Amino acid sequence: MLFRKPKPLVGLDIGSSAVKAVELRPAGEGYRVVAFGTQPIPPDSIVDGAIIDGVAVAEAIRHLFENKAFRTKEVAASLSGHAVIVKKISLPVMTEQEVAESIYWEAEQYIPFDIQDVNLDYQILRAGTESDARGAMEVLLVAAKKDKIADYTGVIAQAGRTPVVLDVDAFALQNVYEVNYRPSAEAVVALLNAGASAININIVGGDESLFTRDVSLGGNAYTEAVQKELNLSFEDAERLKRGQAVDHVSVEDVRPVLRAMNENVLLEIQKTFDFFKATTSADRIDRILVSGGASRVDHFKEMLEERFDTPVEAFDPFRAVEFDPVRLGVEDRDEVVPTAAVAVGLALRRAGDR
């Protein structure tokens, strides 16, 4: 019993346009996907990371797990957006016990919410004993609002599943990046996950998160811009955004609207990168890996590469993870790969992980 391996968890990514689930099993030195599913949720069920229609979201999760290939009821899910604060803080050198005792008091200086309203977690990144530490230790502080945690764990429980781990989208991305890309210690890479309502940004150096930020712009903003500019229904605007023509409107008609939205998004990414360079010792970003449905918008990757003069690649969460689309009932691998990164990252978690 003492050496029993922690049970695998299902990675459940509750997004604002769909819920995605992945279950992994060890395979040799890596992992194999044993179950995979995605299920759309009704528009506006989740807005800016807040669950508005819990019944609809729970129903989508329940429907997703009707796929009998999922063997465990225990899941790892994640939060992002305004409900989560991630800060890297410096503290005087102290023991782990002293950090545990003082972290709530220290956190009050950095968290813009009442400390009673959040759940806190932290990880010691540098103990302060290194030659360049200058008598300070570095701690990664994460605070999540209790009401948002309750909302997410509540819909998971309603759907008949057991929430075991609640992570942060940006860290789930980092998990799956490390497994698939085996980063070198020197490489500074920006992980961009462009979802329906937000873009999660995690800039990592080797296996350390250097900076995270969530930008409240995503695929829905593109759809709404097309809808407004061309006086269309949300559904028609969504199809056009994906490159499918609709009655009386061609894909060409939509390109200027998408390009203008790309510019807005790139401006927010530019602000993030500038702030990162101004507040850390890093002065460069070597590569950008993009995932999420909105990363497939017309010319997004090309404009990103041009703006930052940096190589941009599509993030493949199955680069080193065995994924057999036919066996898993996936009709179009290219359709699911961009949106699976967070769910795969969550599936790598185990109960008790730090």
Protein backbone atom coordinates (compact mmCIF):
# COMPACT_ATOMS: atom_id res chain seq x y z
CA MET A 1 0.00 0.00 0.00
CA LEU A 2 2.84 2.37 0.87
CA PHE A 3 4.17 2.48 -2.69
CA ARG A 4 0.83 2.44 -4.51
CA LYS A 5 0.85 4.89 -7.42
CA PRO A 6 -1.67 7.76 -7.27
CA LYS A 7 -4.75 7.02 -9.36
CA PRO A 8 -5.01 8.71 -12.76
CA LEU A 9 -7.51 11.56 -13.01
CA VAL A 10 -9.64 12.62 -15.95
CA GLY A 11 -8.55 16.05 -17.20
CA LEU A 12 -11.74 18.11 -17.54
CA ASP A 13 -11.40 21.47 -19.28
CA ILE A 14 -14.60 23.46 -18.69
CA GLY A 15 -14.42 26.12 -21.40
CA SER A 16 -16.95 28.77 -22.31
CA SER A 17 -17.84 27.12 -25.64
CA ALA A 18 -17.28 23.42 -24.84
CA VAL A 19 -16.18 20.94 -22.20
CA LYS A 20 -13.28 18.63 -23.08
CA ALA A 21 -12.17 15.50 -21.23
CA VAL A 22 -9.01 13.37 -21.53
CA GLU A 23 -7.92 10.26 -19.63
CA LEU A 24 -4.30 9.06 -19.87
CA ARG A 25 -2.47 5.88 -18.92
CA PRO A 26 1.32 5.42 -18.65
CA ALA A 27 2.77 3.82 -21.80
CA GLY A 28 6.48 2.96 -21.68
CA GLU A 29 8.24 6.17 -20.66
CA GLY A 30 5.33 8.34 -21.82
CA TYR A 31 1.52 8.39 -21.90
CA ARG A 32 -1.32 7.09 -24.04
CA VAL A 33 -4.81 8.60 -24.40
CA VAL A 34 -7.36 5.94 -23.36
CA ALA A 35 -10.46 8.15 -23.49
CA PHE A 36 -11.25 11.46 -25.16
CA GLY A 37 -14.39 13.54 -25.58
CA THR A 38 -15.70 17.01 -26.27
CA GLN A 39 -19.18 18.41 -25.81
CA PRO A 40 -20.44 21.91 -26.74
CA ILE A 41 -22.24 23.98 -24.11
CA PRO A 42 -25.01 26.50 -24.88
CA PRO A 43 -23.82 30.09 -25.56
CA ASP A 44 -23.57 32.32 -22.47
CA SER A 45 -23.63 29.37 -20.03
CA ILE A 46 -20.17 30.57 -18.95
CA VAL A 47 -19.26 34.25 -19.32
CA ASP A 48 -15.76 35.57 -18.54
CA GLY A 49 -15.03 32.41 -16.56
CA ALA A 50 -18.17 32.73 -14.41
CA ILE A 51 -20.72 29.90 -14.59
CA ILE A 52 -24.10 31.50 -15.36
CA ASP A 53 -26.14 28.37 -16.15
CA GLY A 54 -24.86 25.60 -13.90
CA VAL A 55 -27.57 23.15 -15.00
CA ALA A 56 -26.54 23.44 -18.67
CA VAL A 57 -22.84 23.03 -17.85
CA ALA A 58 -23.48 20.01 -15.57
CA GLU A 59 -25.65 18.45 -18.31
CA ALA A 60 -22.85 18.89 -20.88
CA ILE A 61 -20.34 17.24 -18.50
CA ARG A 62 -22.76 14.38 -17.80
CA HIS A 63 -23.31 13.86 -21.53
CA LEU A 64 -19.55 13.88 -22.13
CA PHE A 65 -19.01 11.06 -19.61
CA GLU A 66 -21.67 8.87 -21.19
CA ASN A 67 -18.66 7.75 -23.25
CA LYS A 68 -17.98 4.50 -21.36
CA ALA A 69 -14.25 4.62 -22.19
CA PHE A 70 -13.73 6.94 -19.18
CA ARG A 71 -12.86 4.59 -16.32
CA THR A 72 -12.51 6.93 -13.35
CA LYS A 73 -15.00 9.32 -11.79
CA GLU A 74 -12.31 11.52 -10.25
CA VAL A 75 -11.40 14.63 -12.25
CA ALA A 76 -8.90 17.48 -12.37
CA ALA A 77 -10.38 20.78 -13.57
CA SER A 78 -9.05 24.34 -13.78
CA LEU A 79 -9.85 28.03 -13.43
CA SER A 80 -8.68 31.15 -15.24
CA GLY A 81 -9.54 34.83 -15.57
CA HIS A 82 -10.45 37.35 -12.89
CA ALA A 83 -11.16 34.64 -10.28
CA VAL A 84 -7.48 33.68 -10.11
CA ILE A 85 -4.44 35.71 -9.06
CA VAL A 86 -0.93 34.38 -9.72
CA LYS A 87 1.98 36.34 -8.24
CA LYS A 88 5.66 35.67 -7.81
CA ILE A 89 6.75 37.22 -4.51
CA SER A 90 10.04 37.61 -2.63
CA LEU A 91 10.23 36.74 1.06
CA PRO A 92 13.05 36.80 3.60
CA VAL A 93 14.73 33.40 3.82
CA MET A 94 12.79 31.15 6.21
CA THR A 95 12.00 27.50 6.77
CA GLU A 96 9.11 25.76 4.98
CA GLN A 97 7.21 25.69 8.27
CA GLU A 98 7.66 29.46 8.69
CA VAL A 99 6.45 30.05 5.12
CA ALA A 100 3.34 27.97 5.83
CA GLU A 101 2.63 29.99 8.98
CA SER A 102 3.16 33.43 7.42
CA ILE A 103 1.87 32.99 3.87
CA TYR A 104 -1.66 34.31 4.58
CA TRP A 105 -0.29 37.48 6.15
CA GLU A 106 2.19 37.95 3.27
CA ALA A 107 -0.51 37.27 0.68
CA GLU A 108 -2.76 40.06 1.99
CA GLN A 109 -0.34 42.61 0.53
CA TYR A 110 -0.66 41.14 -2.98
CA ILE A 111 -4.24 39.88 -3.30
CA PRO A 112 -6.90 42.47 -4.28
CA PHE A 113 -9.67 40.39 -2.63
CA ASP A 114 -10.55 39.87 1.03
CA ILE A 115 -8.19 37.09 2.13
CA GLN A 116 -11.18 35.30 3.74
CA ASP A 117 -12.80 35.02 0.28
CA VAL A 118 -9.96 33.09 -1.38
CA ASN A 119 -8.24 29.75 -1.23
CA LEU A 120 -4.46 30.09 -1.26
CA ASP A 121 -1.74 27.80 -2.52
CA TYR A 122 1.96 28.43 -3.02
CA GLN A 123 5.16 26.82 -4.22
CA ILE A 124 8.71 27.72 -3.17
CA LEU A 125 10.63 28.32 -6.41
CA ARG A 126 13.96 29.33 -4.87
CA ALA A 127 14.87 28.67 -1.26
CA GLY A 128 17.13 31.74 -1.03
CA THR A 129 20.25 29.69 -0.39
CA GLU A 130 21.53 30.00 -3.98
CA SER A 131 24.67 32.07 -4.60
CA ASP A 132 22.70 34.83 -6.38
CA ALA A 133 19.74 34.88 -3.96
CA ARG A 134 20.74 38.02 -1.99
CA GLY A 135 19.00 36.79 1.14
CA ALA A 136 15.55 36.41 -0.45
CA MET A 137 13.49 33.40 -1.38
CA GLU A 138 11.09 33.31 -4.34
CA VAL A 139 7.57 31.97 -3.87
CA LEU A 140 4.80 31.47 -6.44
CA LEU A 141 1.51 32.48 -4.87
CA VAL A 142 -1.88 31.42 -6.30
CA ALA A 143 -5.21 32.68 -4.95
CA ALA A 144 -8.61 31.59 -6.26
CA LYS A 145 -11.98 32.98 -5.17
CA LYS A 146 -13.90 30.51 -3.04
CA ASP A 147 -17.24 31.20 -4.74
CA LYS A 148 -15.77 30.39 -8.18
CA ILE A 149 -14.20 27.20 -6.83
CA ALA A 150 -17.60 26.22 -5.39
CA ASP A 151 -19.31 26.93 -8.75
CA TYR A 152 -16.91 24.70 -10.69
CA THR A 153 -16.75 21.86 -8.17
CA GLY A 154 -20.54 22.11 -7.86
CA VAL A 155 -21.28 21.48 -11.56
CA ILE A 156 -18.76 18.62 -11.60
CA ALA A 157 -20.52 17.00 -8.62
CA GLN A 158 -23.94 17.60 -10.22
CA ALA A 159 -22.68 15.69 -13.25
CA GLY A 160 -21.85 12.68 -11.02
CA ARG A 161 -18.06 13.17 -10.97
CA THR A 162 -15.67 13.84 -8.07
CA PRO A 163 -13.47 16.97 -8.27
CA VAL A 164 -10.07 16.08 -6.77
CA VAL A 165 -7.72 18.74 -8.18
CA LEU A 166 -8.47 22.34 -9.20
CA ASP A 167 -5.60 23.79 -11.21
CA VAL A 168 -5.01 26.99 -13.20
CA ASP A 169 -5.30 26.91 -17.03
CA ALA A 170 -1.84 28.46 -17.51
CA PHE A 171 -0.17 25.78 -15.34
CA ALA A 172 -2.04 22.96 -17.11
CA LEU A 173 -0.56 24.31 -20.36
CA GLN A 174 2.90 24.24 -18.81
CA ASN A 175 2.41 20.61 -17.68
CA VAL A 176 1.60 19.41 -21.17
CA TYR A 177 4.36 21.56 -22.70
CA GLU A 178 7.03 19.97 -20.48
CA VAL A 179 5.88 16.42 -21.29
CA ASN A 180 5.73 17.02 -25.06
CA TYR A 181 8.60 19.42 -25.72
CA ARG A 182 11.26 18.53 -23.09
CA PRO A 183 12.36 22.19 -22.85
CA SER A 184 15.99 23.19 -22.45
CA ALA A 185 16.82 25.32 -19.40
CA GLU A 186 17.83 28.29 -21.59
CA ALA A 187 14.72 28.45 -23.81
CA VAL A 188 12.18 31.20 -23.08
CA VAL A 189 8.86 30.16 -24.63
CA ALA A 190 5.46 31.89 -24.59
CA LEU A 191 2.51 29.48 -24.33
CA LEU A 192 -0.65 31.13 -25.69
CA ASN A 193 -3.98 29.34 -25.33
CA ALA A 194 -6.63 31.35 -27.21
CA GLY A 195 -10.02 30.10 -26.06
CA ALA A 196 -13.55 31.35 -26.64
CA SER A 197 -13.54 34.01 -23.90
CA ALA A 198 -9.88 34.51 -22.90
CA ILE A 199 -6.25 34.00 -23.87
CA ASN A 200 -4.13 32.28 -21.23
CA ILE A 201 -0.48 33.35 -21.45
CA ASN A 202 2.30 31.54 -19.60
CA ILE A 203 5.88 32.54 -20.38
CA VAL A 204 8.23 29.80 -19.27
CA GLY A 205 12.01 29.54 -18.97
CA GLY A 206 12.97 25.86 -19.03
CA ASP A 207 10.51 24.26 -16.61
CA GLU A 208 9.84 27.43 -14.58
CA SER A 209 6.89 29.77 -15.07
CA LEU A 210 8.32 33.28 -15.39
CA PHE A 211 5.09 35.22 -15.97
CA THR A 212 1.37 34.49 -16.41
CA ARG A 213 -1.57 36.61 -17.50
CA ASP A 214 -5.11 36.01 -18.80
CA VAL A 215 -6.34 38.41 -21.51
CA SER A 216 -10.14 38.81 -21.56
CA LEU A 217 -10.43 38.54 -25.35
CA GLY A 218 -11.09 35.34 -27.23
CA GLY A 219 -12.91 33.64 -30.06
CA ASN A 220 -16.34 34.93 -29.01
CA ALA A 221 -15.10 38.52 -29.47
CA TYR A 222 -14.26 37.70 -33.10
CA THR A 223 -17.70 36.13 -33.64
CA GLU A 224 -19.48 39.13 -32.07
CA ALA A 225 -17.48 41.55 -34.26
CA VAL A 226 -18.49 39.64 -37.42
CA GLN A 227 -22.09 39.43 -36.19
CA LYS A 228 -22.28 43.18 -35.56
CA GLU A 229 -20.39 44.32 -38.67
CA LEU A 230 -22.35 42.14 -41.12
CA ASN A 231 -25.67 42.02 -39.26
CA LEU A 232 -25.74 38.23 -38.90
CA SER A 233 -26.89 35.66 -36.34
CA PHE A 234 -24.27 34.43 -33.87
CA GLU A 235 -24.38 30.98 -35.51
CA ASP A 236 -23.73 32.36 -39.04
CA ALA A 237 -20.97 34.63 -37.73
CA GLU A 238 -19.37 31.64 -35.99
CA ARG A 239 -19.41 29.61 -39.23
CA LEU A 240 -17.85 32.48 -41.20
CA LYS A 241 -15.14 32.91 -38.56
CA ARG A 242 -14.29 29.23 -39.06
CA GLY A 243 -13.95 29.75 -42.83
CA GLN A 244 -17.36 28.38 -43.88
CA ALA A 245 -19.45 30.51 -46.29
CA VAL A 246 -23.10 31.33 -45.46
CA ASP A 247 -25.92 32.71 -47.60
CA HIS A 248 -25.04 36.02 -49.33
CA VAL A 249 -21.78 36.41 -47.37
CA SER A 250 -18.40 35.08 -48.49
CA VAL A 251 -15.36 34.31 -46.37
CA GLU A 252 -13.63 37.23 -48.15
CA ASP A 253 -16.22 39.67 -46.72
CA VAL A 254 -15.20 38.64 -43.22
CA ARG A 255 -11.43 38.94 -43.57
CA PRO A 256 -11.17 42.71 -42.77
CA VAL A 257 -13.21 42.22 -39.56
CA LEU A 258 -11.04 39.29 -38.43
CA ARG A 259 -7.86 41.19 -39.25
CA ALA A 260 -9.01 44.21 -37.17
CA MET A 261 -9.78 41.87 -34.25
CA ASN A 262 -6.36 40.23 -34.65
CA GLU A 263 -4.81 43.68 -34.24
CA ASN A 264 -6.75 44.23 -30.98
CA VAL A 265 -5.64 40.87 -29.63
CA LEU A 266 -2.00 41.40 -30.68
CA LEU A 267 -1.99 44.74 -28.88
CA GLU A 268 -2.95 42.97 -25.62
CA ILE A 269 -0.29 40.33 -26.19
CA GLN A 270 2.24 43.10 -26.92
CA LYS A 271 1.38 44.78 -23.58
CA THR A 272 1.85 41.44 -21.81
CA PHE A 273 5.24 40.78 -23.43
CA ASP A 274 6.42 44.34 -22.75
CA PHE A 275 5.40 44.10 -19.08
CA PHE A 276 7.13 40.71 -18.80
CA LYS A 277 10.40 42.12 -20.16
CA ALA A 278 10.15 45.22 -17.94
CA THR A 279 9.56 43.27 -14.71
CA THR A 280 11.81 40.22 -15.11
CA SER A 281 15.46 39.65 -15.96
CA ALA A 282 14.54 38.05 -19.30
CA ASP A 283 14.83 40.32 -22.34
CA ARG A 284 13.66 37.96 -25.07
CA ILE A 285 11.10 35.36 -26.11
CA ASP A 286 12.58 32.62 -28.31
CA ARG A 287 9.42 30.93 -29.51
CA ILE A 288 5.63 31.19 -29.27
CA LEU A 289 3.43 28.07 -29.11
CA VAL A 290 -0.28 28.68 -29.77
CA SER A 291 -3.29 26.53 -28.95
CA GLY A 292 -7.04 27.02 -28.49
CA GLY A 293 -9.81 27.34 -31.06
CA ALA A 294 -9.27 31.08 -31.58
CA SER A 295 -5.65 30.47 -32.61
CA ARG A 296 -7.03 29.14 -35.90
CA VAL A 297 -8.60 32.46 -36.91
CA ASP A 298 -7.52 33.60 -40.37
CA HIS A 299 -3.92 34.98 -40.36
CA PHE A 300 -3.64 34.94 -36.53
CA LYS A 301 -0.38 32.97 -36.44
CA GLU A 302 1.13 34.89 -39.38
CA MET A 303 0.35 38.28 -37.82
CA LEU A 304 1.73 37.09 -34.47
CA GLU A 305 4.98 36.01 -36.09
CA GLU A 306 5.28 39.27 -38.02
CA ARG A 307 4.53 41.48 -35.00
CA PHE A 308 7.06 39.86 -32.67
CA ASP A 309 9.60 38.62 -35.23
CA THR A 310 9.55 35.31 -33.36
CA PRO A 311 8.87 31.76 -34.61
CA VAL A 312 5.23 30.79 -34.01
CA GLU A 313 4.12 27.15 -33.97
CA ALA A 314 0.87 25.32 -33.34
CA PHE A 315 1.13 23.65 -29.91
CA ASP A 316 0.65 19.88 -30.27
CA PRO A 317 -0.40 18.30 -26.93
CA PHE A 318 -0.02 14.86 -28.58
CA ARG A 319 3.51 15.40 -29.87
CA ALA A 320 4.89 12.85 -27.40
CA VAL A 321 1.58 11.46 -26.09
CA GLU A 322 0.16 8.46 -27.94
CA PHE A 323 -3.17 9.45 -29.50
CA ASP A 324 -5.10 7.14 -31.84
CA PRO A 325 -8.02 9.16 -33.27
CA VAL A 326 -9.70 6.17 -34.97
CA ARG A 327 -9.71 4.02 -31.82
CA LEU A 328 -10.98 6.95 -29.77
CA GLY A 329 -13.81 7.74 -32.19
CA VAL A 330 -12.32 11.10 -33.23
CA GLU A 331 -13.31 11.92 -36.80
CA ASP A 332 -10.94 14.84 -37.42
CA ARG A 333 -7.64 14.95 -35.53
CA ASP A 334 -6.82 18.45 -36.82
CA GLU A 335 -10.10 19.73 -35.39
CA VAL A 336 -9.49 18.55 -31.81
CA VAL A 337 -5.71 19.01 -31.42
CA PRO A 338 -5.78 22.85 -31.02
CA THR A 339 -8.38 22.72 -28.23
CA ALA A 340 -7.08 19.73 -26.23
CA ALA A 341 -3.98 21.21 -24.54
CA VAL A 342 -5.52 22.23 -21.19
CA ALA A 343 -7.44 18.95 -20.81
CA VAL A 344 -4.28 16.89 -21.51
CA GLY A 345 -2.32 19.02 -19.03
CA LEU A 346 -4.98 18.41 -16.38
CA ALA A 347 -4.99 14.66 -17.08
CA LEU A 348 -1.28 14.64 -16.15
CA ARG A 349 -2.12 15.81 -12.62
CA ARG A 350 -2.42 13.48 -9.64
CA ALA A 351 -4.09 13.98 -6.28
CA GLY A 352 -1.65 15.61 -3.86
CA ASP A 353 0.51 17.23 -6.60
CA ARG A 354 2.07 20.62 -5.85
